[in-house]
Amino acid sequence: DKLGHAVYVPGGPAYEQVVAAFGAEIVNE
């Protein structure tokens, strides 16, 4: 569960791929 959260954090291994796939609207300020 903790790894599942860590994978999304800025700089995390899946961060850029997720944002590219689902759009900038999923990113907080």
PDB file of all heavy atoms in Angstrom:
ATOM      1  N   ASP A   1       0.836  -1.208   0.000  1.00  0.00           N
ATOM      2  CA  ASP A   1       0.000   0.000   0.000  1.00  0.00           C
ATOM      3  C   ASP A   1       0.870   1.256   0.000  1.00  0.00           C
ATOM      4  O   ASP A   1       0.607   2.220  -0.726  1.00  0.00           O
ATOM      5  CB  ASP A   1      -0.923   0.022   1.225  1.00  0.00           C
ATOM      6  CG  ASP A   1      -2.084  -0.960   1.083  1.00  0.00           C
ATOM      7  OD1 ASP A   1      -2.389  -1.339  -0.059  1.00  0.00           O
ATOM      8  OD2 ASP A   1      -2.684  -1.324   2.112  1.00  0.00           O
ATOM      9  N   LYS A   2       1.923   1.229   0.831  1.00  0.00           N
ATOM     10  CA  LYS A   2       2.825   2.383   0.895  1.00  0.00           C
ATOM     11  C   LYS A   2       3.564   2.570  -0.430  1.00  0.00           C
ATOM     12  O   LYS A   2       3.758   3.695  -0.895  1.00  0.00           O
ATOM     13  CB  LYS A   2       3.817   2.216   2.042  1.00  0.00           C
ATOM     14  CG  LYS A   2       3.174   2.358   3.420  1.00  0.00           C
ATOM     15  CD  LYS A   2       4.200   2.182   4.528  1.00  0.00           C
ATOM     16  CE  LYS A   2       3.549   2.320   5.904  1.00  0.00           C
ATOM     17  NZ  LYS A   2       4.493   2.056   6.998  1.00  0.00           N
ATOM     18  N   LEU A   3       3.960   1.454  -1.046  1.00  0.00           N
ATOM     19  CA  LEU A   3       4.632   1.548  -2.346  1.00  0.00           C
ATOM     20  C   LEU A   3       3.674   2.098  -3.396  1.00  0.00           C
ATOM     21  O   LEU A   3       4.075   2.846  -4.287  1.00  0.00           O
ATOM     22  CB  LEU A   3       5.142   0.168  -2.777  1.00  0.00           C
ATOM     23  CG  LEU A   3       6.223  -0.474  -1.910  1.00  0.00           C
ATOM     24  CD1 LEU A   3       6.693  -1.782  -2.532  1.00  0.00           C
ATOM     25  CD2 LEU A   3       7.412   0.470  -1.737  1.00  0.00           C
ATOM     26  N   GLY A   4       2.389   1.711  -3.269  1.00  0.00           N
ATOM     27  CA  GLY A   4       1.382   2.214  -4.204  1.00  0.00           C
ATOM     28  C   GLY A   4       1.253   3.717  -4.148  1.00  0.00           C
ATOM     29  O   GLY A   4       0.993   4.365  -5.165  1.00  0.00           O
ATOM     30  N   HIS A   5       1.447   4.290  -2.959  1.00  0.00           N
ATOM     31  CA  HIS A   5       1.422   5.756  -2.829  1.00  0.00           C
ATOM     32  C   HIS A   5       2.734   6.352  -3.326  1.00  0.00           C
ATOM     33  O   HIS A   5       2.743   7.377  -4.009  1.00  0.00           O
ATOM     34  CB  HIS A   5       1.184   6.155  -1.367  1.00  0.00           C
ATOM     35  CG  HIS A   5      -0.211   5.920  -0.895  1.00  0.00           C
ATOM     36  ND1 HIS A   5      -1.245   6.809  -1.142  1.00  0.00           N
ATOM     37  CD2 HIS A   5      -0.764   4.892  -0.218  1.00  0.00           C
ATOM     38  CE1 HIS A   5      -2.359   6.340  -0.624  1.00  0.00           C
ATOM     39  NE2 HIS A   5      -2.103   5.173  -0.055  1.00  0.00           N
ATOM     40  N   ALA A   6       3.857   5.685  -2.992  1.00  0.00           N
ATOM     41  CA  ALA A   6       5.173   6.220  -3.349  1.00  0.00           C
ATOM     42  C   ALA A   6       5.381   6.276  -4.854  1.00  0.00           C
ATOM     43  O   ALA A   6       6.092   7.152  -5.365  1.00  0.00           O
ATOM     44  CB  ALA A   6       6.261   5.370  -2.698  1.00  0.00           C
ATOM     45  N   VAL A   7       4.750   5.349  -5.575  1.00  0.00           N
ATOM     46  CA  VAL A   7       4.970   5.267  -7.015  1.00  0.00           C
ATOM     47  C   VAL A   7       4.406   6.495  -7.748  1.00  0.00           C
ATOM     48  O   VAL A   7       4.843   6.838  -8.838  1.00  0.00           O
ATOM     49  CB  VAL A   7       4.362   3.944  -7.548  1.00  0.00           C
ATOM     50  CG1 VAL A   7       2.869   4.052  -7.773  1.00  0.00           C
ATOM     51  CG2 VAL A   7       5.046   3.484  -8.813  1.00  0.00           C
ATOM     52  N   TYR A   8       3.429   7.196  -7.103  1.00  0.00           N
ATOM     53  CA  TYR A   8       2.759   8.350  -7.730  1.00  0.00           C
ATOM     54  C   TYR A   8       3.415   9.697  -7.403  1.00  0.00           C
ATOM     55  O   TYR A   8       3.091  10.701  -8.042  1.00  0.00           O
ATOM     56  CB  TYR A   8       1.319   8.448  -7.241  1.00  0.00           C
ATOM     57  CG  TYR A   8       0.370   7.409  -7.786  1.00  0.00           C
ATOM     58  CD1 TYR A   8       0.019   6.304  -7.024  1.00  0.00           C
ATOM     59  CD2 TYR A   8      -0.218   7.545  -9.040  1.00  0.00           C
ATOM     60  CE1 TYR A   8      -0.871   5.363  -7.502  1.00  0.00           C
ATOM     61  CE2 TYR A   8      -1.113   6.607  -9.519  1.00  0.00           C
ATOM     62  CZ  TYR A   8      -1.440   5.517  -8.746  1.00  0.00           C
ATOM     63  OH  TYR A   8      -2.320   4.584  -9.220  1.00  0.00           O
ATOM     64  N   VAL A   9       4.266   9.751  -6.374  1.00  0.00           N
ATOM     65  CA  VAL A   9       4.763  11.053  -5.924  1.00  0.00           C
ATOM     66  C   VAL A   9       5.623  11.699  -7.007  1.00  0.00           C
ATOM     67  O   VAL A   9       6.210  10.995  -7.848  1.00  0.00           O
ATOM     68  CB  VAL A   9       5.583  10.920  -4.610  1.00  0.00           C
ATOM     69  CG1 VAL A   9       4.727  10.374  -3.501  1.00  0.00           C
ATOM     70  CG2 VAL A   9       6.821  10.074  -4.826  1.00  0.00           C
ATOM     71  N   PRO A  10       5.692  13.040  -7.036  1.00  0.00           N
ATOM     72  CA  PRO A  10       6.549  13.704  -8.024  1.00  0.00           C
ATOM     73  C   PRO A  10       7.969  13.147  -7.965  1.00  0.00           C
ATOM     74  O   PRO A  10       8.561  13.042  -6.888  1.00  0.00           O
ATOM     75  CB  PRO A  10       6.504  15.172  -7.592  1.00  0.00           C
ATOM     76  CG  PRO A  10       5.180  15.308  -6.900  1.00  0.00           C
ATOM     77  CD  PRO A  10       4.966  14.003  -6.196  1.00  0.00           C
ATOM     78  N   GLY A  11       8.487  12.759  -9.098  1.00  0.00           N
ATOM     79  CA  GLY A  11       9.799  12.140  -9.148  1.00  0.00           C
ATOM     80  C   GLY A  11       9.738  10.635  -8.987  1.00  0.00           C
ATOM     81  O   GLY A  11      10.742   9.952  -9.167  1.00  0.00           O
ATOM     82  N   GLY A  12       8.561  10.118  -8.628  1.00  0.00           N
ATOM     83  CA  GLY A  12       8.386   8.675  -8.483  1.00  0.00           C
ATOM     84  C   GLY A  12       8.418   7.996  -9.842  1.00  0.00           C
ATOM     85  O   GLY A  12       8.232   8.644 -10.884  1.00  0.00           O
ATOM     86  N   PRO A  13       8.620   6.685  -9.874  1.00  0.00           N
ATOM     87  CA  PRO A  13       8.838   5.988 -11.143  1.00  0.00           C
ATOM     88  C   PRO A  13       7.655   6.018 -12.113  1.00  0.00           C
ATOM     89  O   PRO A  13       7.859   5.871 -13.316  1.00  0.00           O
ATOM     90  CB  PRO A  13       9.154   4.552 -10.702  1.00  0.00           C
ATOM     91  CG  PRO A  13       8.626   4.426  -9.319  1.00  0.00           C
ATOM     92  CD  PRO A  13       8.743   5.777  -8.708  1.00  0.00           C
ATOM     93  N   ALA A  14       6.432   6.206 -11.592  1.00  0.00           N
ATOM     94  CA  ALA A  14       5.277   6.189 -12.503  1.00  0.00           C
ATOM     95  C   ALA A  14       4.663   7.569 -12.698  1.00  0.00           C
ATOM     96  O   ALA A  14       3.711   7.719 -13.474  1.00  0.00           O
ATOM     97  CB  ALA A  14       4.206   5.226 -11.973  1.00  0.00           C
ATOM     98  N   TYR A  15       5.200   8.583 -12.013  1.00  0.00           N
ATOM     99  CA  TYR A  15       4.571   9.903 -11.996  1.00  0.00           C
ATOM    100  C   TYR A  15       4.367  10.469 -13.407  1.00  0.00           C
ATOM    101  O   TYR A  15       3.248  10.806 -13.805  1.00  0.00           O
ATOM    102  CB  TYR A  15       5.408  10.859 -11.147  1.00  0.00           C
ATOM    103  CG  TYR A  15       4.869  12.273 -11.095  1.00  0.00           C
ATOM    104  CD1 TYR A  15       3.867  12.608 -10.200  1.00  0.00           C
ATOM    105  CD2 TYR A  15       5.374  13.273 -11.949  1.00  0.00           C
ATOM    106  CE1 TYR A  15       3.372  13.909 -10.142  1.00  0.00           C
ATOM    107  CE2 TYR A  15       4.889  14.566 -11.902  1.00  0.00           C
ATOM    108  CZ  TYR A  15       3.891  14.875 -11.000  1.00  0.00           C
ATOM    109  OH  TYR A  15       3.388  16.157 -10.958  1.00  0.00           O
ATOM    110  N   GLU A  16       5.449  10.586 -14.163  1.00  0.00           N
ATOM    111  CA  GLU A  16       5.355  11.239 -15.476  1.00  0.00           C
ATOM    112  C   GLU A  16       4.476  10.442 -16.443  1.00  0.00           C
ATOM    113  O   GLU A  16       3.696  11.014 -17.212  1.00  0.00           O
ATOM    114  CB  GLU A  16       6.754  11.436 -16.059  1.00  0.00           C
ATOM    115  CG  GLU A  16       7.570  12.478 -15.299  1.00  0.00           C
ATOM    116  CD  GLU A  16       8.911  12.753 -15.975  1.00  0.00           C
ATOM    117  OE1 GLU A  16       9.137  12.222 -17.080  1.00  0.00           O
ATOM    118  OE2 GLU A  16       9.717  13.510 -15.380  1.00  0.00           O
ATOM    119  N   GLN A  17       4.570   9.107 -16.391  1.00  0.00           N
ATOM    120  CA  GLN A  17       3.751   8.280 -17.283  1.00  0.00           C
ATOM    121  C   GLN A  17       2.262   8.453 -16.979  1.00  0.00           C
ATOM    122  O   GLN A  17       1.441   8.530 -17.890  1.00  0.00           O
ATOM    123  CB  GLN A  17       4.128   6.803 -17.107  1.00  0.00           C
ATOM    124  CG  GLN A  17       5.525   6.433 -17.569  1.00  0.00           C
ATOM    125  CD  GLN A  17       5.784   4.954 -17.348  1.00  0.00           C
ATOM    126  OE1 GLN A  17       5.215   4.111 -18.035  1.00  0.00           O
ATOM    127  NE2 GLN A  17       6.627   4.643 -16.371  1.00  0.00           N
ATOM    128  N   VAL A  18       1.915   8.537 -15.671  1.00  0.00           N
ATOM    129  CA  VAL A  18       0.504   8.665 -15.285  1.00  0.00           C
ATOM    130  C   VAL A  18      -0.040  10.028 -15.722  1.00  0.00           C
ATOM    131  O   VAL A  18      -1.139  10.136 -16.276  1.00  0.00           O
ATOM    132  CB  VAL A  18       0.340   8.457 -13.760  1.00  0.00           C
ATOM    133  CG1 VAL A  18      -1.082   8.804 -13.315  1.00  0.00           C
ATOM    134  CG2 VAL A  18       0.659   7.011 -13.383  1.00  0.00           C
ATOM    135  N   VAL A  19       0.746  11.073 -15.492  1.00  0.00           N
ATOM    136  CA  VAL A  19       0.299  12.420 -15.892  1.00  0.00           C
ATOM    137  C   VAL A  19       0.153  12.492 -17.410  1.00  0.00           C
ATOM    138  O   VAL A  19      -0.821  13.049 -17.933  1.00  0.00           O
ATOM    139  CB  VAL A  19       1.299  13.486 -15.388  1.00  0.00           C
ATOM    140  CG1 VAL A  19       0.932  14.862 -15.949  1.00  0.00           C
ATOM    141  CG2 VAL A  19       1.312  13.522 -13.856  1.00  0.00           C
ATOM    142  N   ALA A  20       1.097  11.916 -18.149  1.00  0.00           N
ATOM    143  CA  ALA A  20       1.027  11.928 -19.615  1.00  0.00           C
ATOM    144  C   ALA A  20      -0.193  11.170 -20.114  1.00  0.00           C
ATOM    145  O   ALA A  20      -0.842  11.566 -21.092  1.00  0.00           O
ATOM    146  CB  ALA A  20       2.306  11.319 -20.197  1.00  0.00           C
ATOM    147  N   ALA A  21      -0.557  10.084 -19.425  1.00  0.00           N
ATOM    148  CA  ALA A  21      -1.671   9.248 -19.876  1.00  0.00           C
ATOM    149  C   ALA A  21      -3.019   9.831 -19.504  1.00  0.00           C
ATOM    150  O   ALA A  21      -3.997   9.666 -20.245  1.00  0.00           O
ATOM    151  CB  ALA A  21      -1.528   7.837 -19.293  1.00  0.00           C
ATOM    152  N   PHE A  22      -3.106  10.556 -18.368  1.00  0.00           N
ATOM    153  CA  PHE A  22      -4.428  10.970 -17.865  1.00  0.00           C
ATOM    154  C   PHE A  22      -4.620  12.481 -17.789  1.00  0.00           C
ATOM    155  O   PHE A  22      -5.681  12.947 -17.390  1.00  0.00           O
ATOM    156  CB  PHE A  22      -4.687  10.324 -16.499  1.00  0.00           C
ATOM    157  CG  PHE A  22      -4.796   8.828 -16.583  1.00  0.00           C
ATOM    158  CD1 PHE A  22      -3.695   8.018 -16.319  1.00  0.00           C
ATOM    159  CD2 PHE A  22      -5.978   8.218 -16.962  1.00  0.00           C
ATOM    160  CE1 PHE A  22      -3.772   6.646 -16.427  1.00  0.00           C
ATOM    161  CE2 PHE A  22      -6.075   6.838 -17.065  1.00  0.00           C
ATOM    162  CZ  PHE A  22      -4.968   6.048 -16.808  1.00  0.00           C
ATOM    163  N   GLY A  23      -3.612  13.246 -18.195  1.00  0.00           N
ATOM    164  CA  GLY A  23      -3.815  14.683 -18.346  1.00  0.00           C
ATOM    165  C   GLY A  23      -3.406  15.512 -17.150  1.00  0.00           C
ATOM    166  O   GLY A  23      -3.355  15.018 -16.017  1.00  0.00           O
ATOM    167  N   ALA A  24      -3.116  16.801 -17.416  1.00  0.00           N
ATOM    168  CA  ALA A  24      -2.633  17.715 -16.381  1.00  0.00           C
ATOM    169  C   ALA A  24      -3.690  18.008 -15.323  1.00  0.00           C
ATOM    170  O   ALA A  24      -3.367  18.469 -14.217  1.00  0.00           O
ATOM    171  CB  ALA A  24      -2.169  19.028 -17.024  1.00  0.00           C
ATOM    172  N   GLU A  25      -4.982  17.733 -15.652  1.00  0.00           N
ATOM    173  CA  GLU A  25      -6.052  18.046 -14.689  1.00  0.00           C
ATOM    174  C   GLU A  25      -6.002  17.163 -13.444  1.00  0.00           C
ATOM    175  O   GLU A  25      -6.677  17.447 -12.443  1.00  0.00           O
ATOM    176  CB  GLU A  25      -7.434  17.936 -15.351  1.00  0.00           C
ATOM    177  CG  GLU A  25      -7.812  16.554 -15.862  1.00  0.00           C
ATOM    178  CD  GLU A  25      -7.407  16.337 -17.317  1.00  0.00           C
ATOM    179  OE1 GLU A  25      -6.460  17.000 -17.785  1.00  0.00           O
ATOM    180  OE2 GLU A  25      -8.065  15.515 -17.972  1.00  0.00           O
ATOM    181  N   ILE A  26      -5.203  16.081 -13.461  1.00  0.00           N
ATOM    182  CA  ILE A  26      -5.104  15.233 -12.266  1.00  0.00           C
ATOM    183  C   ILE A  26      -4.022  15.734 -11.317  1.00  0.00           C
ATOM    184  O   ILE A  26      -3.830  15.157 -10.242  1.00  0.00           O
ATOM    185  CB  ILE A  26      -4.804  13.754 -12.637  1.00  0.00           C
ATOM    186  CG1 ILE A  26      -3.394  13.603 -13.224  1.00  0.00           C
ATOM    187  CG2 ILE A  26      -5.854  13.194 -13.583  1.00  0.00           C
ATOM    188  CD1 ILE A  26      -2.937  12.151 -13.343  1.00  0.00           C
ATOM    189  N   VAL A  27      -3.309  16.832 -11.706  1.00  0.00           N
ATOM    190  CA  VAL A  27      -2.184  17.336 -10.901  1.00  0.00           C
ATOM    191  C   VAL A  27      -2.647  18.496 -10.027  1.00  0.00           C
ATOM    192  O   VAL A  27      -3.286  19.438 -10.499  1.00  0.00           O
ATOM    193  CB  VAL A  27      -1.021  17.787 -11.809  1.00  0.00           C
ATOM    194  CG1 VAL A  27       0.136  18.314 -10.961  1.00  0.00           C
ATOM    195  CG2 VAL A  27      -0.560  16.643 -12.697  1.00  0.00           C
ATOM    196  N   ASN A  28      -2.341  18.434  -8.723  1.00  0.00           N
ATOM    197  CA  ASN A  28      -2.632  19.527  -7.795  1.00  0.00           C
ATOM    198  C   ASN A  28      -1.663  20.687  -8.020  1.00  0.00           C
ATOM    199  O   ASN A  28      -0.663  20.551  -8.743  1.00  0.00           O
ATOM    200  CB  ASN A  28      -2.489  19.041  -6.340  1.00  0.00           C
ATOM    201  CG  ASN A  28      -3.564  18.033  -5.966  1.00  0.00           C
ATOM    202  OD1 ASN A  28      -4.735  18.200  -6.293  1.00  0.00           O
ATOM    203  ND2 ASN A  28      -3.157  16.974  -5.258  1.00  0.00           N
ATOM    204  N   GLU A  29      -1.959  21.821  -7.380  1.00  0.00           N
ATOM    205  CA  GLU A  29      -1.107  22.998  -7.519  1.00  0.00           C
ATOM    206  C   GLU A  29       0.307  22.737  -7.026  1.00  0.00           C
ATOM    207  O   GLU A  29       1.265  23.319  -7.535  1.00  0.00           O
ATOM    208  CB  GLU A  29      -1.711  24.186  -6.750  1.00  0.00           C
ATOM    209  CG  GLU A  29      -2.972  24.737  -7.395  1.00  0.00           C
ATOM    210  CD  GLU A  29      -3.500  25.954  -6.651  1.00  0.00           C
ATOM    211  OE1 GLU A  29      -2.824  26.410  -5.694  1.00  0.00           O
ATOM    212  OE2 GLU A  29      -4.587  26.440  -7.021  1.00  0.00           O
TER     213      GLU A  29
END
